[in-house]
């Protein structure tokens, strides 16, 4: 299945066991079934315990990576009649997945925010 992801689109990956870590990836090349991405910096917005992250476009901090674009039905757990709606995602590791960024800031835990043991 092909995708309609464009250069400049951003994927967000959240992961962690006892804390929430957030990484952003910018699409720098597209192919019919894959995309090439690079991790980009994030900047904090908000204050105190309400600090969230947004991507800092164009500020890469990693190696290029090629990932297969996969799809999941976002209505798969809906009860009753439903319309199939497929959402693209990237399997990043055995424990994390990246989804297209919705333009909203992402919550994360930080040591500075007062979360002991992280």
N, C-alpha and C. Protein backbone atom coordinates (compact mmCIF):
# COMPACT_ATOMS: atom_id res chain seq x y z
N UNK A 1 0.85 -1.17 0.00
CA UNK A 1 0.00 0.00 0.00
C UNK A 1 0.89 1.23 0.00
N UNK A 2 0.62 2.19 -0.88
CA UNK A 2 1.40 3.41 -0.91
C UNK A 2 0.83 4.42 0.08
N UNK A 3 1.55 5.50 0.29
CA UNK A 3 1.19 6.49 1.30
C UNK A 3 1.15 7.88 0.67
N UNK A 4 0.66 8.86 1.41
CA UNK A 4 0.67 10.24 0.92
C UNK A 4 1.48 11.15 1.84
N UNK A 5 2.49 10.59 2.47
CA UNK A 5 3.38 11.36 3.34
C UNK A 5 4.27 12.22 2.46
N UNK A 6 4.52 13.47 2.92
CA UNK A 6 5.29 14.43 2.15
C UNK A 6 6.59 14.80 2.86
N UNK A 7 7.56 15.29 2.10
CA UNK A 7 8.78 15.83 2.69
C UNK A 7 8.38 16.98 3.60
N UNK A 8 8.94 17.00 4.79
CA UNK A 8 8.61 18.02 5.78
C UNK A 8 7.59 17.57 6.81
N UNK A 9 6.88 16.47 6.54
CA UNK A 9 5.96 15.94 7.56
C UNK A 9 6.78 15.50 8.77
N UNK A 10 6.15 15.53 9.92
CA UNK A 10 6.83 15.18 11.17
C UNK A 10 6.12 14.00 11.83
N UNK A 11 6.92 13.05 12.30
CA UNK A 11 6.42 11.93 13.08
C UNK A 11 6.87 12.14 14.52
N UNK A 12 6.04 11.72 15.47
CA UNK A 12 6.37 11.81 16.89
C UNK A 12 6.35 10.42 17.49
N UNK A 13 7.40 10.12 18.24
CA UNK A 13 7.54 8.83 18.91
C UNK A 13 7.54 9.09 20.42
N UNK A 14 6.66 8.43 21.14
CA UNK A 14 6.68 8.51 22.60
C UNK A 14 6.98 7.12 23.13
N UNK A 15 7.82 7.07 24.16
CA UNK A 15 8.23 5.78 24.69
C UNK A 15 8.71 5.96 26.13
N UNK A 16 8.79 4.85 26.82
CA UNK A 16 9.30 4.85 28.19
C UNK A 16 8.47 3.95 29.07
N UNK A 17 9.07 3.49 30.15
CA UNK A 17 8.40 2.59 31.08
C UNK A 17 7.81 3.37 32.25
N UNK A 18 8.65 4.06 33.00
CA UNK A 18 8.15 4.81 34.15
C UNK A 18 8.26 6.31 33.92
N UNK A 19 8.48 6.71 32.70
CA UNK A 19 8.49 8.11 32.31
C UNK A 19 8.15 8.19 30.84
N UNK A 20 7.80 9.35 30.35
CA UNK A 20 7.45 9.52 28.95
C UNK A 20 8.54 10.30 28.24
N UNK A 21 9.15 9.68 27.25
CA UNK A 21 10.16 10.32 26.42
C UNK A 21 9.54 10.61 25.06
N UNK A 22 9.93 11.70 24.45
CA UNK A 22 9.36 12.11 23.17
C UNK A 22 10.49 12.42 22.18
N UNK A 23 10.40 11.84 20.98
CA UNK A 23 11.35 12.15 19.91
C UNK A 23 10.55 12.53 18.67
N UNK A 24 11.07 13.51 17.94
CA UNK A 24 10.44 13.95 16.70
C UNK A 24 11.35 13.60 15.53
N UNK A 25 10.73 13.24 14.38
CA UNK A 25 11.45 12.88 13.18
C UNK A 25 10.84 13.61 11.99
N UNK A 26 11.69 14.23 11.19
CA UNK A 26 11.23 14.96 10.00
C UNK A 26 11.46 14.09 8.76
N UNK A 27 10.48 14.04 7.88
CA UNK A 27 10.60 13.28 6.64
C UNK A 27 11.45 14.10 5.67
N UNK A 28 12.53 13.49 5.18
CA UNK A 28 13.42 14.21 4.27
C UNK A 28 13.41 13.60 2.86
N UNK A 29 12.78 12.42 2.71
CA UNK A 29 12.67 11.79 1.40
C UNK A 29 11.54 10.78 1.46
N UNK A 30 10.81 10.66 0.37
CA UNK A 30 9.74 9.66 0.31
C UNK A 30 9.96 8.74 -0.87
N UNK A 31 9.60 7.48 -0.67
CA UNK A 31 9.60 6.48 -1.70
C UNK A 31 8.23 5.80 -1.64
N UNK A 32 7.84 4.97 -2.60
CA UNK A 32 6.48 4.43 -2.62
C UNK A 32 6.03 3.75 -1.32
N UNK A 33 6.89 2.99 -0.66
CA UNK A 33 6.47 2.28 0.55
C UNK A 33 7.29 2.65 1.79
N UNK A 34 8.28 3.50 1.62
CA UNK A 34 9.14 3.88 2.73
C UNK A 34 9.34 5.39 2.76
N UNK A 35 9.87 5.85 3.90
CA UNK A 35 10.28 7.25 4.03
C UNK A 35 11.67 7.28 4.64
N UNK A 36 12.40 8.33 4.34
CA UNK A 36 13.67 8.56 4.99
C UNK A 36 13.45 9.69 5.98
N UNK A 37 13.86 9.47 7.22
CA UNK A 37 13.61 10.43 8.28
C UNK A 37 14.92 10.78 8.98
N UNK A 38 14.90 11.89 9.69
CA UNK A 38 16.01 12.28 10.54
C UNK A 38 15.43 12.83 11.83
N UNK A 39 16.05 12.46 12.95
CA UNK A 39 15.58 12.97 14.24
C UNK A 39 15.88 14.46 14.31
N UNK A 40 14.94 15.22 14.87
CA UNK A 40 15.11 16.66 14.99
C UNK A 40 14.98 17.09 16.44
N UNK A 41 15.54 18.24 16.73
CA UNK A 41 15.48 18.79 18.08
C UNK A 41 14.04 19.12 18.47
N UNK A 42 13.83 19.14 19.76
CA UNK A 42 12.54 19.56 20.30
C UNK A 42 12.79 20.75 21.21
N UNK A 43 11.78 21.60 21.34
CA UNK A 43 11.91 22.70 22.29
C UNK A 43 10.74 22.65 23.26
N UNK A 44 11.02 23.07 24.49
CA UNK A 44 10.01 23.04 25.53
C UNK A 44 9.13 24.28 25.45
N UNK A 45 7.84 24.08 25.68
CA UNK A 45 6.88 25.18 25.79
C UNK A 45 6.09 24.96 27.07
N UNK A 46 5.72 26.03 27.73
CA UNK A 46 4.98 25.91 28.98
C UNK A 46 5.90 26.14 30.17
N UNK A 47 5.33 26.02 31.36
CA UNK A 47 6.10 26.24 32.58
C UNK A 47 5.77 25.18 33.63
N UNK A 48 6.70 24.98 34.56
CA UNK A 48 6.48 24.08 35.68
C UNK A 48 6.18 22.66 35.24
N UNK A 49 5.13 22.07 35.82
CA UNK A 49 4.75 20.70 35.49
C UNK A 49 3.96 20.62 34.19
N UNK A 50 3.70 21.76 33.55
CA UNK A 50 2.96 21.79 32.29
C UNK A 50 3.89 21.99 31.10
N UNK A 51 5.14 21.59 31.24
CA UNK A 51 6.09 21.72 30.14
C UNK A 51 5.82 20.63 29.11
N UNK A 52 5.73 21.03 27.85
CA UNK A 52 5.50 20.10 26.76
C UNK A 52 6.54 20.37 25.67
N UNK A 53 6.59 19.50 24.68
CA UNK A 53 7.57 19.62 23.62
C UNK A 53 6.91 19.85 22.27
N UNK A 54 7.60 20.61 21.42
CA UNK A 54 7.22 20.77 20.02
C UNK A 54 8.49 20.57 19.19
N UNK A 55 8.36 20.11 17.95
CA UNK A 55 9.55 19.89 17.13
C UNK A 55 10.15 21.21 16.66
N UNK A 56 11.46 21.21 16.51
CA UNK A 56 12.18 22.37 15.98
C UNK A 56 12.61 22.00 14.56
N UNK A 57 11.75 22.31 13.60
CA UNK A 57 11.96 21.89 12.22
C UNK A 57 13.29 22.39 11.67
N UNK A 58 13.93 21.53 10.89
CA UNK A 58 15.18 21.90 10.26
C UNK A 58 16.41 21.77 11.15
N UNK A 59 16.24 21.34 12.39
CA UNK A 59 17.37 21.20 13.32
C UNK A 59 17.61 19.71 13.60
N UNK A 60 18.25 19.03 12.66
CA UNK A 60 18.45 17.59 12.80
C UNK A 60 19.55 17.28 13.81
N UNK A 61 19.39 16.13 14.48
CA UNK A 61 20.37 15.70 15.48
C UNK A 61 20.66 14.21 15.36
N UNK A 62 20.57 13.71 14.18
CA UNK A 62 20.82 12.27 14.06
C UNK A 62 21.11 11.85 12.64
N UNK A 63 21.32 10.57 12.49
CA UNK A 63 21.57 9.96 11.19
C UNK A 63 20.25 9.77 10.44
N UNK A 64 20.34 9.75 9.14
CA UNK A 64 19.18 9.43 8.32
C UNK A 64 18.81 7.97 8.55
N UNK A 65 17.51 7.72 8.58
CA UNK A 65 17.01 6.35 8.75
C UNK A 65 15.90 6.11 7.76
N UNK A 66 15.86 4.94 7.17
CA UNK A 66 14.78 4.58 6.26
C UNK A 66 13.82 3.66 7.00
N UNK A 67 12.52 3.99 6.91
CA UNK A 67 11.51 3.21 7.62
C UNK A 67 10.36 2.86 6.68
N UNK A 68 9.85 1.65 6.85
CA UNK A 68 8.68 1.19 6.12
C UNK A 68 7.45 1.88 6.69
N UNK A 69 6.62 2.43 5.83
CA UNK A 69 5.36 3.03 6.27
C UNK A 69 4.33 1.93 6.39
N UNK A 70 3.77 1.79 7.59
CA UNK A 70 2.74 0.80 7.85
C UNK A 70 1.44 1.54 8.17
N UNK A 71 0.34 0.81 8.22
CA UNK A 71 -0.95 1.43 8.46
C UNK A 71 -1.71 0.66 9.52
N UNK A 72 -2.46 1.40 10.33
CA UNK A 72 -3.37 0.77 11.28
C UNK A 72 -4.73 1.43 11.15
N UNK A 73 -5.75 0.65 11.40
CA UNK A 73 -7.13 1.15 11.35
C UNK A 73 -7.41 1.85 12.68
N UNK A 74 -7.59 3.16 12.65
CA UNK A 74 -7.79 3.92 13.89
C UNK A 74 -9.14 3.63 14.53
N UNK A 75 -10.05 3.03 13.79
CA UNK A 75 -11.37 2.69 14.34
C UNK A 75 -11.47 1.20 14.69
N UNK A 76 -10.34 0.50 14.77
CA UNK A 76 -10.35 -0.96 14.94
C UNK A 76 -11.03 -1.42 16.22
N UNK A 77 -11.04 -0.62 17.27
CA UNK A 77 -11.65 -1.03 18.53
C UNK A 77 -13.05 -0.44 18.73
N UNK A 78 -13.54 0.25 17.73
CA UNK A 78 -14.86 0.87 17.83
C UNK A 78 -15.95 -0.20 17.78
N UNK A 79 -16.93 -0.07 18.64
CA UNK A 79 -18.05 -1.02 18.69
C UNK A 79 -19.13 -0.54 17.71
N UNK A 80 -19.75 -1.47 17.03
CA UNK A 80 -20.83 -1.14 16.11
C UNK A 80 -20.31 -0.83 14.72
N UNK A 81 -21.19 -0.28 13.85
CA UNK A 81 -20.79 0.03 12.47
C UNK A 81 -19.63 1.02 12.47
N UNK A 82 -18.70 0.80 11.59
CA UNK A 82 -17.56 1.70 11.51
C UNK A 82 -17.04 1.77 10.09
N UNK A 83 -16.37 2.86 9.82
CA UNK A 83 -15.71 3.04 8.53
C UNK A 83 -14.22 2.87 8.74
N UNK A 84 -13.58 2.09 7.88
CA UNK A 84 -12.14 1.89 8.03
C UNK A 84 -11.41 3.18 7.75
N UNK A 85 -10.56 3.60 8.68
CA UNK A 85 -9.75 4.80 8.52
C UNK A 85 -8.32 4.40 8.84
N UNK A 86 -7.45 4.43 7.86
CA UNK A 86 -6.08 3.99 8.04
C UNK A 86 -5.16 5.15 8.38
N UNK A 87 -4.33 4.95 9.40
CA UNK A 87 -3.38 5.96 9.84
C UNK A 87 -1.97 5.41 9.64
N UNK A 88 -1.07 6.19 9.00
CA UNK A 88 0.29 5.70 8.81
C UNK A 88 1.08 5.73 10.11
N UNK A 89 2.00 4.78 10.26
CA UNK A 89 2.91 4.79 11.40
C UNK A 89 4.23 4.16 10.99
N UNK A 90 5.25 4.41 11.81
CA UNK A 90 6.57 3.84 11.61
C UNK A 90 6.95 3.03 12.84
N UNK A 91 7.34 1.78 12.66
CA UNK A 91 7.84 0.97 13.78
C UNK A 91 9.29 1.40 14.00
N UNK A 92 9.54 2.07 15.13
CA UNK A 92 10.86 2.62 15.40
C UNK A 92 11.78 1.62 16.09
N UNK A 93 11.29 0.95 17.11
CA UNK A 93 12.05 -0.06 17.84
C UNK A 93 11.07 -1.16 18.23
N UNK A 94 11.55 -2.12 18.98
CA UNK A 94 10.65 -3.20 19.43
C UNK A 94 9.65 -2.69 20.46
N UNK A 95 9.88 -1.51 21.03
CA UNK A 95 9.01 -0.98 22.08
C UNK A 95 8.41 0.39 21.75
N UNK A 96 8.59 0.87 20.53
CA UNK A 96 8.02 2.20 20.24
C UNK A 96 7.59 2.33 18.78
N UNK A 97 6.62 3.21 18.59
CA UNK A 97 6.03 3.49 17.29
C UNK A 97 5.93 5.00 17.13
N UNK A 98 6.09 5.48 15.91
CA UNK A 98 5.96 6.91 15.63
C UNK A 98 4.75 7.13 14.74
N UNK A 99 3.96 8.14 15.10
CA UNK A 99 2.77 8.51 14.33
C UNK A 99 2.94 9.92 13.79
N UNK A 100 2.19 10.25 12.75
CA UNK A 100 2.23 11.62 12.23
C UNK A 100 1.89 12.59 13.35
N UNK A 101 2.67 13.63 13.45
CA UNK A 101 2.47 14.65 14.48
C UNK A 101 1.20 15.43 14.16
N UNK A 102 0.36 15.66 15.17
CA UNK A 102 -0.92 16.34 14.97
C UNK A 102 -0.82 17.85 15.15
N UNK A 103 0.39 18.37 15.35
CA UNK A 103 0.56 19.81 15.50
C UNK A 103 0.43 20.30 16.92
N UNK A 104 0.12 19.39 17.84
CA UNK A 104 -0.03 19.77 19.25
C UNK A 104 1.25 19.44 20.00
N UNK A 105 1.49 20.15 21.09
CA UNK A 105 2.66 19.86 21.90
C UNK A 105 2.51 18.50 22.55
N UNK A 106 3.61 17.84 22.81
CA UNK A 106 3.62 16.50 23.38
C UNK A 106 4.09 16.53 24.83
N UNK A 107 3.39 15.82 25.71
CA UNK A 107 3.75 15.73 27.12
C UNK A 107 4.96 14.83 27.29
N UNK A 108 5.83 15.21 28.21
CA UNK A 108 6.96 14.36 28.56
C UNK A 108 7.33 14.59 30.02
N UNK A 109 8.02 13.63 30.62
CA UNK A 109 8.51 13.76 31.99
C UNK A 109 9.95 14.25 31.94
N UNK A 110 10.32 15.07 32.93
CA UNK A 110 11.71 15.50 33.02
C UNK A 110 12.18 15.42 34.45
N UNK A 111 13.46 15.27 34.63
CA UNK A 111 14.03 15.30 35.97
C UNK A 111 13.82 16.68 36.57
N UNK A 112 14.03 17.71 35.78
CA UNK A 112 13.89 19.08 36.26
C UNK A 112 12.47 19.38 36.72
N UNK A 113 11.51 18.68 36.16
CA UNK A 113 10.12 18.92 36.54
C UNK A 113 9.76 18.26 37.86
N UNK A 114 10.71 17.58 38.48
CA UNK A 114 10.48 17.03 39.80
C UNK A 114 9.98 15.61 39.84
N UNK A 115 10.39 14.79 38.90
CA UNK A 115 9.99 13.40 38.88
C UNK A 115 11.16 12.56 39.36
N UNK A 116 11.24 12.27 40.66
CA UNK A 116 12.39 11.54 41.21
C UNK A 116 12.52 10.14 40.60
N UNK A 117 13.74 9.74 40.42
CA UNK A 117 13.99 8.39 39.93
C UNK A 117 14.01 8.28 38.43
N UNK A 118 13.92 9.37 37.72
CA UNK A 118 13.93 9.32 36.24
C UNK A 118 15.24 9.83 35.72
